Amino acid sequence: MNNIFDIEKFNLIEDEENYYFFRSLEPGDLKDLENGTIKENNEYTRLRTDRERWEEEHPGERPRWNSENEVSLEEMYSHIKMHYSLQTNCISLSSNANVARTYGEEFSDKYVMVRVPKKEMGERVFHAGPYMLQEIEKIVNKEIEKQNLREDVLEDLKAIDEAKTSDEIKELIKTRYKSKEGIDVSKAGLKKGIMYRSPHARISSYQSLNEEQTGVKIDFGHESVEML
């Protein structure tokens, strides 16, 4: 796992002490730039978390996470899911400029490069892929040990484990989540202007992972599963 996802394999810009990552500026970042919130001595010094801005907009309310919390899988997932939380301490960065550009193409044409000291990797800054895979592995192993997983779930894990290519994984996901009755557009609440994609759309060529990283296997006790 550490070898496949070694950070040096992601074409990082670096010097002896720092890594340099890309970020598409979001509306909150742009507002901070305009009003000088993150400016000191006429220089822009940092990016703020959504949680900091959320606290300003909700005086007297306690955020779900605070600045003292250690990072967790729940917080990281809450930060990256489609309807993401504005109360996390997470800020997304990428080693791949195209990923930042693709993410920000609908709301921003401004991007920054962020310097991260190498000594902070794994402490304040996390390599999201390996971190989330390791945390998921811990949870699934516990459920297997407790025999809490249904037989059909174990069968799904086995089928994914036996898949040899990304195309096979796509087909398994499509079959698993295919609607039997189809979508009734009049009742589904689909929003105008949004492009809806199938569950396997994320297994795509424009992502920054190579073929080996896309199909990495991790061992879940007696089961091993392809993680995408």
C-alpha atoms as a PDB file:
ATOM      1  CA  MET A   1       0.000   0.000   0.000  1.00  0.00           C
ATOM      2  CA  ASN A   2       2.664   2.533   1.016  1.00  0.00           C
ATOM      3  CA  ASN A   3       4.779   1.616  -2.006  1.00  0.00           C
ATOM      4  CA  ILE A   4       1.925   1.917  -4.524  1.00  0.00           C
ATOM      5  CA  PHE A   5       0.724   5.220  -3.078  1.00  0.00           C
ATOM      6  CA  ASP A   6       4.136   6.666  -2.257  1.00  0.00           C
ATOM      7  CA  ILE A   7       3.697  10.416  -2.590  1.00  0.00           C
ATOM      8  CA  GLU A   8       6.766  10.696  -4.811  1.00  0.00           C
ATOM      9  CA  LYS A   9       4.825   8.802  -7.535  1.00  0.00           C
ATOM     10  CA  PHE A  10       2.385  11.688  -7.972  1.00  0.00           C
ATOM     11  CA  ASN A  11       4.714  13.995  -9.931  1.00  0.00           C
ATOM     12  CA  LEU A  12       4.999  16.448  -7.073  1.00  0.00           C
ATOM     13  CA  ILE A  13       6.718  19.777  -7.306  1.00  0.00           C
ATOM     14  CA  GLU A  14       9.090  19.888  -4.358  1.00  0.00           C
ATOM     15  CA  ASP A  15      12.296  21.247  -2.893  1.00  0.00           C
ATOM     16  CA  GLU A  16      14.361  19.919   0.004  1.00  0.00           C
ATOM     17  CA  GLU A  17      11.907  20.967   2.726  1.00  0.00           C
ATOM     18  CA  ASN A  18       8.511  21.417   1.043  1.00  0.00           C
ATOM     19  CA  TYR A  19       5.920  19.930  -1.272  1.00  0.00           C
ATOM     20  CA  TYR A  20       3.824  22.223  -3.480  1.00  0.00           C
ATOM     21  CA  PHE A  21       0.153  21.464  -4.183  1.00  0.00           C
ATOM     22  CA  PHE A  22      -2.541  23.070  -6.342  1.00  0.00           C
ATOM     23  CA  ARG A  23      -5.946  24.347  -5.274  1.00  0.00           C
ATOM     24  CA  SER A  24      -8.849  25.867  -7.162  1.00  0.00           C
ATOM     25  CA  LEU A  25     -10.112  28.840  -5.173  1.00  0.00           C
ATOM     26  CA  GLU A  26     -13.698  28.346  -4.014  1.00  0.00           C
ATOM     27  CA  PRO A  27     -16.210  31.159  -3.386  1.00  0.00           C
ATOM     28  CA  GLY A  28     -15.244  31.348   0.299  1.00  0.00           C
ATOM     29  CA  ASP A  29     -11.553  31.625  -0.603  1.00  0.00           C
ATOM     30  CA  LEU A  30     -12.287  34.373  -3.127  1.00  0.00           C
ATOM     31  CA  LYS A  31     -14.282  36.311  -0.539  1.00  0.00           C
ATOM     32  CA  ASP A  32     -11.393  36.016   1.937  1.00  0.00           C
ATOM     33  CA  LEU A  33      -9.040  37.376  -0.722  1.00  0.00           C
ATOM     34  CA  GLU A  34     -11.326  40.293  -1.533  1.00  0.00           C
ATOM     35  CA  ASN A  35     -11.859  41.429   2.060  1.00  0.00           C
ATOM     36  CA  GLY A  36      -8.270  40.809   3.195  1.00  0.00           C
ATOM     37  CA  THR A  37      -9.162  38.262   5.895  1.00  0.00           C
ATOM     38  CA  ILE A  38      -6.113  36.123   5.071  1.00  0.00           C
ATOM     39  CA  LYS A  39      -3.728  38.991   4.387  1.00  0.00           C
ATOM     40  CA  GLU A  40      -0.843  39.989   6.655  1.00  0.00           C
ATOM     41  CA  ASN A  41       1.769  42.683   5.899  1.00  0.00           C
ATOM     42  CA  ASN A  42       0.375  42.975   2.375  1.00  0.00           C
ATOM     43  CA  GLU A  43       0.903  39.253   1.690  1.00  0.00           C
ATOM     44  CA  TYR A  44      -1.624  36.417   1.447  1.00  0.00           C
ATOM     45  CA  THR A  45      -0.499  33.966   4.103  1.00  0.00           C
ATOM     46  CA  ARG A  46      -2.996  31.107   4.342  1.00  0.00           C
ATOM     47  CA  LEU A  47      -6.316  29.558   3.339  1.00  0.00           C
ATOM     48  CA  ARG A  48      -9.148  29.264   5.836  1.00  0.00           C
ATOM     49  CA  THR A  49     -11.296  26.206   6.419  1.00  0.00           C
ATOM     50  CA  ASP A  50     -15.027  26.171   5.753  1.00  0.00           C
ATOM     51  CA  ARG A  51     -15.423  25.551   9.483  1.00  0.00           C
ATOM     52  CA  GLU A  52     -13.885  28.933  10.332  1.00  0.00           C
ATOM     53  CA  ARG A  53     -16.299  30.736   8.017  1.00  0.00           C
ATOM     54  CA  TRP A  54     -19.224  28.615   9.269  1.00  0.00           C
ATOM     55  CA  GLU A  55     -18.556  29.734  12.861  1.00  0.00           C
ATOM     56  CA  GLU A  56     -18.620  33.378  11.781  1.00  0.00           C
ATOM     57  CA  GLU A  57     -21.987  32.879  10.088  1.00  0.00           C
ATOM     58  CA  HIS A  58     -23.453  30.910  13.028  1.00  0.00           C
ATOM     59  CA  PRO A  59     -22.453  32.846  16.177  1.00  0.00           C
ATOM     60  CA  GLY A  60     -23.084  30.941  19.380  1.00  0.00           C
ATOM     61  CA  GLU A  61     -23.484  27.577  17.613  1.00  0.00           C
ATOM     62  CA  ARG A  62     -21.019  24.735  18.096  1.00  0.00           C
ATOM     63  CA  PRO A  63     -19.600  23.218  14.864  1.00  0.00           C
ATOM     64  CA  ARG A  64     -19.565  19.474  14.396  1.00  0.00           C
ATOM     65  CA  TRP A  65     -15.755  19.558  14.444  1.00  0.00           C
ATOM     66  CA  ASN A  66     -13.444  22.126  16.008  1.00  0.00           C
ATOM     67  CA  SER A  67      -9.816  23.109  15.510  1.00  0.00           C
ATOM     68  CA  GLU A  68      -8.664  20.736  18.265  1.00  0.00           C
ATOM     69  CA  ASN A  69     -10.183  17.558  16.795  1.00  0.00           C
ATOM     70  CA  GLU A  70      -7.867  14.934  15.343  1.00  0.00           C
ATOM     71  CA  VAL A  71      -8.659  14.084  11.737  1.00  0.00           C
ATOM     72  CA  SER A  72     -10.970  11.106  11.252  1.00  0.00           C
ATOM     73  CA  LEU A  73     -12.396   9.089   8.374  1.00  0.00           C
ATOM     74  CA  GLU A  74     -15.846  10.509   9.141  1.00  0.00           C
ATOM     75  CA  GLU A  75     -14.607  14.096   8.904  1.00  0.00           C
ATOM     76  CA  MET A  76     -12.612  13.482   5.729  1.00  0.00           C
ATOM     77  CA  TYR A  77     -15.581  11.752   4.068  1.00  0.00           C
ATOM     78  CA  SER A  78     -17.900  14.558   5.170  1.00  0.00           C
ATOM     79  CA  HIS A  79     -15.520  16.957   3.450  1.00  0.00           C
ATOM     80  CA  ILE A  80     -15.366  15.197   0.062  1.00  0.00           C
ATOM     81  CA  LYS A  81     -18.896  13.791  -0.448  1.00  0.00           C
ATOM     82  CA  MET A  82     -21.246  15.486  -2.929  1.00  0.00           C
ATOM     83  CA  HIS A  83     -23.291  17.299  -0.269  1.00  0.00           C
ATOM     84  CA  TYR A  84     -20.225  18.076   1.797  1.00  0.00           C
ATOM     85  CA  SER A  85     -20.159  19.563   5.284  1.00  0.00           C
ATOM     86  CA  LEU A  86     -19.101  23.173   5.822  1.00  0.00           C
ATOM     87  CA  GLN A  87     -18.036  22.346   9.372  1.00  0.00           C
ATOM     88  CA  THR A  88     -14.844  20.377   8.728  1.00  0.00           C
ATOM     89  CA  ASN A  89     -11.237  21.418   9.265  1.00  0.00           C
ATOM     90  CA  CYS A  90     -10.223  19.977   5.887  1.00  0.00           C
ATOM     91  CA  ILE A  91      -8.869  21.834   2.858  1.00  0.00           C
ATOM     92  CA  SER A  92      -8.488  19.886  -0.401  1.00  0.00           C
ATOM     93  CA  LEU A  93      -5.194  20.100  -2.287  1.00  0.00           C
ATOM     94  CA  SER A  94      -3.916  18.194  -5.328  1.00  0.00           C
ATOM     95  CA  SER A  95      -0.523  17.407  -6.782  1.00  0.00           C
ATOM     96  CA  ASN A  96      -2.182  17.395 -10.217  1.00  0.00           C
ATOM     97  CA  ALA A  97      -2.972  20.820 -11.693  1.00  0.00           C
ATOM     98  CA  ASN A  98      -5.528  19.274 -14.087  1.00  0.00           C
ATOM     99  CA  VAL A  99      -7.525  17.855 -11.166  1.00  0.00           C
ATOM    100  CA  ALA A 100      -7.703  21.339  -9.613  1.00  0.00           C
ATOM    101  CA  ARG A 101      -8.691  22.855 -12.967  1.00  0.00           C
ATOM    102  CA  THR A 102     -11.414  20.246 -13.590  1.00  0.00           C
ATOM    103  CA  TYR A 103     -12.831  20.744 -10.097  1.00  0.00           C
ATOM    104  CA  GLY A 104     -12.930  24.511 -10.337  1.00  0.00           C
ATOM    105  CA  GLU A 105     -13.992  25.002 -13.936  1.00  0.00           C
ATOM    106  CA  GLU A 106     -17.614  25.724 -13.024  1.00  0.00           C
ATOM    107  CA  PHE A 107     -17.038  28.370 -10.370  1.00  0.00           C
ATOM    108  CA  SER A 108     -13.523  29.793 -10.529  1.00  0.00           C
ATOM    109  CA  ASP A 109     -10.709  30.712 -12.871  1.00  0.00           C
ATOM    110  CA  LYS A 110      -8.303  31.422 -10.015  1.00  0.00           C
ATOM    111  CA  TYR A 111      -5.860  28.888  -8.614  1.00  0.00           C
ATOM    112  CA  VAL A 112      -3.088  28.894  -6.041  1.00  0.00           C
ATOM    113  CA  MET A 113      -0.054  26.803  -5.257  1.00  0.00           C
ATOM    114  CA  VAL A 114       0.212  25.885  -1.564  1.00  0.00           C
ATOM    115  CA  ARG A 115       3.515  25.142   0.149  1.00  0.00           C
ATOM    116  CA  VAL A 116       3.382  22.270   2.657  1.00  0.00           C
ATOM    117  CA  PRO A 117       6.422  21.398   4.810  1.00  0.00           C
ATOM    118  CA  LYS A 118       7.365  17.754   4.318  1.00  0.00           C
ATOM    119  CA  LYS A 119       7.573  17.294   8.103  1.00  0.00           C
ATOM    120  CA  GLU A 120       3.822  17.999   8.345  1.00  0.00           C
ATOM    121  CA  MET A 121       2.827  15.114   6.049  1.00  0.00           C
ATOM    122  CA  GLY A 122       0.927  12.578   8.142  1.00  0.00           C
ATOM    123  CA  GLU A 123       0.543  15.082  10.985  1.00  0.00           C
ATOM    124  CA  ARG A 124      -1.396  18.111   9.753  1.00  0.00           C
ATOM    125  CA  VAL A 125      -1.544  17.116   6.076  1.00  0.00           C
ATOM    126  CA  PHE A 126      -2.760  13.682   4.984  1.00  0.00           C
ATOM    127  CA  HIS A 127      -2.366  11.751   1.757  1.00  0.00           C
ATOM    128  CA  ALA A 128      -6.100  11.105   1.441  1.00  0.00           C
ATOM    129  CA  GLY A 129      -6.092   7.883  -0.631  1.00  0.00           C
ATOM    130  CA  PRO A 130      -3.897   5.707   1.614  1.00  0.00           C
ATOM    131  CA  TYR A 131      -5.345   7.235   4.784  1.00  0.00           C
ATOM    132  CA  MET A 132      -8.960   6.461   3.823  1.00  0.00           C
ATOM    133  CA  LEU A 133      -8.121   2.959   2.560  1.00  0.00           C
ATOM    134  CA  GLN A 134      -6.365   2.112   5.821  1.00  0.00           C
ATOM    135  CA  GLU A 135      -9.248   3.417   7.935  1.00  0.00           C
ATOM    136  CA  ILE A 136     -11.834   1.545   5.825  1.00  0.00           C
ATOM    137  CA  GLU A 137      -9.763  -1.621   6.163  1.00  0.00           C
ATOM    138  CA  LYS A 138      -9.854  -1.325   9.973  1.00  0.00           C
ATOM    139  CA  ILE A 139     -13.641  -0.907  10.014  1.00  0.00           C
ATOM    140  CA  VAL A 140     -14.374  -3.750   7.576  1.00  0.00           C
ATOM    141  CA  ASN A 141     -12.023  -6.115   9.433  1.00  0.00           C
ATOM    142  CA  LYS A 142     -13.860  -5.392  12.675  1.00  0.00           C
ATOM    143  CA  GLU A 143     -17.228  -6.144  11.056  1.00  0.00           C
ATOM    144  CA  ILE A 144     -15.895  -9.407   9.582  1.00  0.00           C
ATOM    145  CA  GLU A 145     -14.513 -10.447  12.979  1.00  0.00           C
ATOM    146  CA  LYS A 146     -17.886  -9.723  14.584  1.00  0.00           C
ATOM    147  CA  GLN A 147     -19.623 -11.623  11.745  1.00  0.00           C
ATOM    148  CA  ASN A 148     -21.837  -8.581  11.179  1.00  0.00           C
ATOM    149  CA  LEU A 149     -21.778  -8.649   7.377  1.00  0.00           C
ATOM    150  CA  ARG A 150     -24.686 -10.194   5.481  1.00  0.00           C
ATOM    151  CA  GLU A 151     -24.001 -13.062   3.102  1.00  0.00           C
ATOM    152  CA  ASP A 152     -24.847 -10.970   0.031  1.00  0.00           C
ATOM    153  CA  VAL A 153     -22.322  -8.321   1.139  1.00  0.00           C
ATOM    154  CA  LEU A 154     -19.619 -10.968   1.508  1.00  0.00           C
ATOM    155  CA  GLU A 155     -20.516 -12.267  -1.959  1.00  0.00           C
ATOM    156  CA  ASP A 156     -20.149  -8.746  -3.372  1.00  0.00           C
ATOM    157  CA  LEU A 157     -16.746  -8.399  -1.730  1.00  0.00           C
ATOM    158  CA  LYS A 158     -15.649 -11.732  -3.154  1.00  0.00           C
ATOM    159  CA  ALA A 159     -16.831 -10.811  -6.674  1.00  0.00           C
ATOM    160  CA  ILE A 160     -14.948  -7.521  -6.559  1.00  0.00           C
ATOM    161  CA  ASP A 161     -11.879  -9.293  -5.193  1.00  0.00           C
ATOM    162  CA  GLU A 162     -11.867 -11.722  -8.104  1.00  0.00           C
ATOM    163  CA  ALA A 163     -12.188  -8.976 -10.740  1.00  0.00           C
ATOM    164  CA  LYS A 164      -9.034  -8.484 -12.781  1.00  0.00           C
ATOM    165  CA  THR A 165      -9.654  -5.161 -14.531  1.00  0.00           C
ATOM    166  CA  SER A 166     -11.306  -1.800 -13.959  1.00  0.00           C
ATOM    167  CA  ASP A 167     -13.879  -2.661 -16.642  1.00  0.00           C
ATOM    168  CA  GLU A 168     -14.976  -5.697 -14.608  1.00  0.00           C
ATOM    169  CA  ILE A 169     -15.317  -3.490 -11.535  1.00  0.00           C
ATOM    170  CA  LYS A 170     -17.468  -1.037 -13.513  1.00  0.00           C
ATOM    171  CA  GLU A 171     -19.755  -3.841 -14.634  1.00  0.00           C
ATOM    172  CA  LEU A 172     -20.121  -5.186 -11.077  1.00  0.00           C
ATOM    173  CA  ILE A 173     -21.026  -1.750  -9.736  1.00  0.00           C
ATOM    174  CA  LYS A 174     -23.485  -1.122 -12.573  1.00  0.00           C
ATOM    175  CA  THR A 175     -25.212  -4.454 -11.962  1.00  0.00           C
ATOM    176  CA  ARG A 176     -25.275  -3.963  -8.198  1.00  0.00           C
ATOM    177  CA  TYR A 177     -26.901  -0.537  -8.297  1.00  0.00           C
ATOM    178  CA  LYS A 178     -29.058  -0.761 -11.412  1.00  0.00           C
ATOM    179  CA  SER A 179     -32.642   0.300 -10.785  1.00  0.00           C
ATOM    180  CA  LYS A 180     -35.196  -2.428 -11.584  1.00  0.00           C
ATOM    181  CA  GLU A 181     -37.954   0.037 -12.380  1.00  0.00           C
ATOM    182  CA  GLY A 182     -35.966   2.924 -13.830  1.00  0.00           C
ATOM    183  CA  ILE A 183     -36.139   6.552 -12.712  1.00  0.00           C
ATOM    184  CA  ASP A 184     -39.413   8.435 -12.714  1.00  0.00           C
ATOM    185  CA  VAL A 185     -38.167  11.905 -13.657  1.00  0.00           C
ATOM    186  CA  SER A 186     -41.420  13.512 -12.472  1.00  0.00           C
ATOM    187  CA  LYS A 187     -40.834  12.244  -8.919  1.00  0.00           C
ATOM    188  CA  ALA A 188     -37.081  11.855  -8.581  1.00  0.00           C
ATOM    189  CA  GLY A 189     -36.397  15.501  -7.832  1.00  0.00           C
ATOM    190  CA  LEU A 190     -33.669  15.819 -10.460  1.00  0.00           C
ATOM    191  CA  LYS A 191     -32.292  19.342 -10.555  1.00  0.00           C
ATOM    192  CA  LYS A 192     -32.179  21.256 -13.786  1.00  0.00           C
ATOM    193  CA  GLY A 193     -28.698  21.973 -15.120  1.00  0.00           C
ATOM    194  CA  ILE A 194     -26.982  19.114 -13.262  1.00  0.00           C
ATOM    195  CA  MET A 195     -25.448  16.258 -15.232  1.00  0.00           C
ATOM    196  CA  TYR A 196     -26.259  12.960 -13.497  1.00  0.00           C
ATOM    197  CA  ARG A 197     -23.791  10.117 -13.935  1.00  0.00           C
ATOM    198  CA  SER A 198     -23.781   6.418 -13.135  1.00  0.00           C
ATOM    199  CA  PRO A 199     -22.143   5.149  -9.899  1.00  0.00           C
ATOM    200  CA  HIS A 200     -19.050   4.009 -11.800  1.00  0.00           C
ATOM    201  CA  ALA A 201     -18.326   7.409 -13.402  1.00  0.00           C
ATOM    202  CA  ARG A 202     -15.487   8.000 -10.931  1.00  0.00           C
ATOM    203  CA  ILE A 203     -13.538   5.061 -12.403  1.00  0.00           C
ATOM    204  CA  SER A 204     -12.404   7.228 -15.270  1.00  0.00           C
ATOM    205  CA  SER A 205      -9.345   8.132 -17.294  1.00  0.00           C
ATOM    206  CA  TYR A 206      -9.181  11.764 -16.187  1.00  0.00           C
ATOM    207  CA  GLN A 207      -8.492  10.881 -12.551  1.00  0.00           C
ATOM    208  CA  SER A 208      -4.903  11.229 -11.365  1.00  0.00           C
ATOM    209  CA  LEU A 209      -4.396   7.593 -10.325  1.00  0.00           C
ATOM    210  CA  ASN A 210      -2.555   5.165 -12.573  1.00  0.00           C
ATOM    211  CA  GLU A 211      -3.874   1.684 -13.395  1.00  0.00           C
ATOM    212  CA  GLU A 212      -2.029   0.033 -10.512  1.00  0.00           C
ATOM    213  CA  GLN A 213      -3.332   2.573  -7.988  1.00  0.00           C
ATOM    214  CA  THR A 214      -6.890   2.399  -9.320  1.00  0.00           C
ATOM    215  CA  GLY A 215      -7.009  -1.378  -8.829  1.00  0.00           C
ATOM    216  CA  VAL A 216      -5.076  -1.682  -5.575  1.00  0.00           C
ATOM    217  CA  LYS A 217      -6.048  -4.628  -3.370  1.00  0.00           C
ATOM    218  CA  ILE A 218      -6.086  -4.512   0.405  1.00  0.00           C
ATOM    219  CA  ASP A 219      -6.501  -7.513   2.659  1.00  0.00           C
ATOM    220  CA  PHE A 220      -9.682  -7.664   4.755  1.00  0.00           C
ATOM    221  CA  GLY A 221      -8.991 -10.664   6.945  1.00  0.00           C
ATOM    222  CA  HIS A 222     -10.118 -13.645   4.878  1.00  0.00           C
ATOM    223  CA  GLU A 223     -11.429 -11.342   2.168  1.00  0.00           C
ATOM    224  CA  SER A 224      -9.449  -8.951  -0.024  1.00  0.00           C
ATOM    225  CA  VAL A 225     -11.207  -6.201  -1.908  1.00  0.00           C
ATOM    226  CA  GLU A 226     -10.461  -3.917  -4.845  1.00  0.00           C
ATOM    227  CA  MET A 227     -10.729  -0.339  -3.587  1.00  0.00           C
ATOM    228  CA  LEU A 228     -11.535   2.403  -6.132  1.00  0.00           C
END
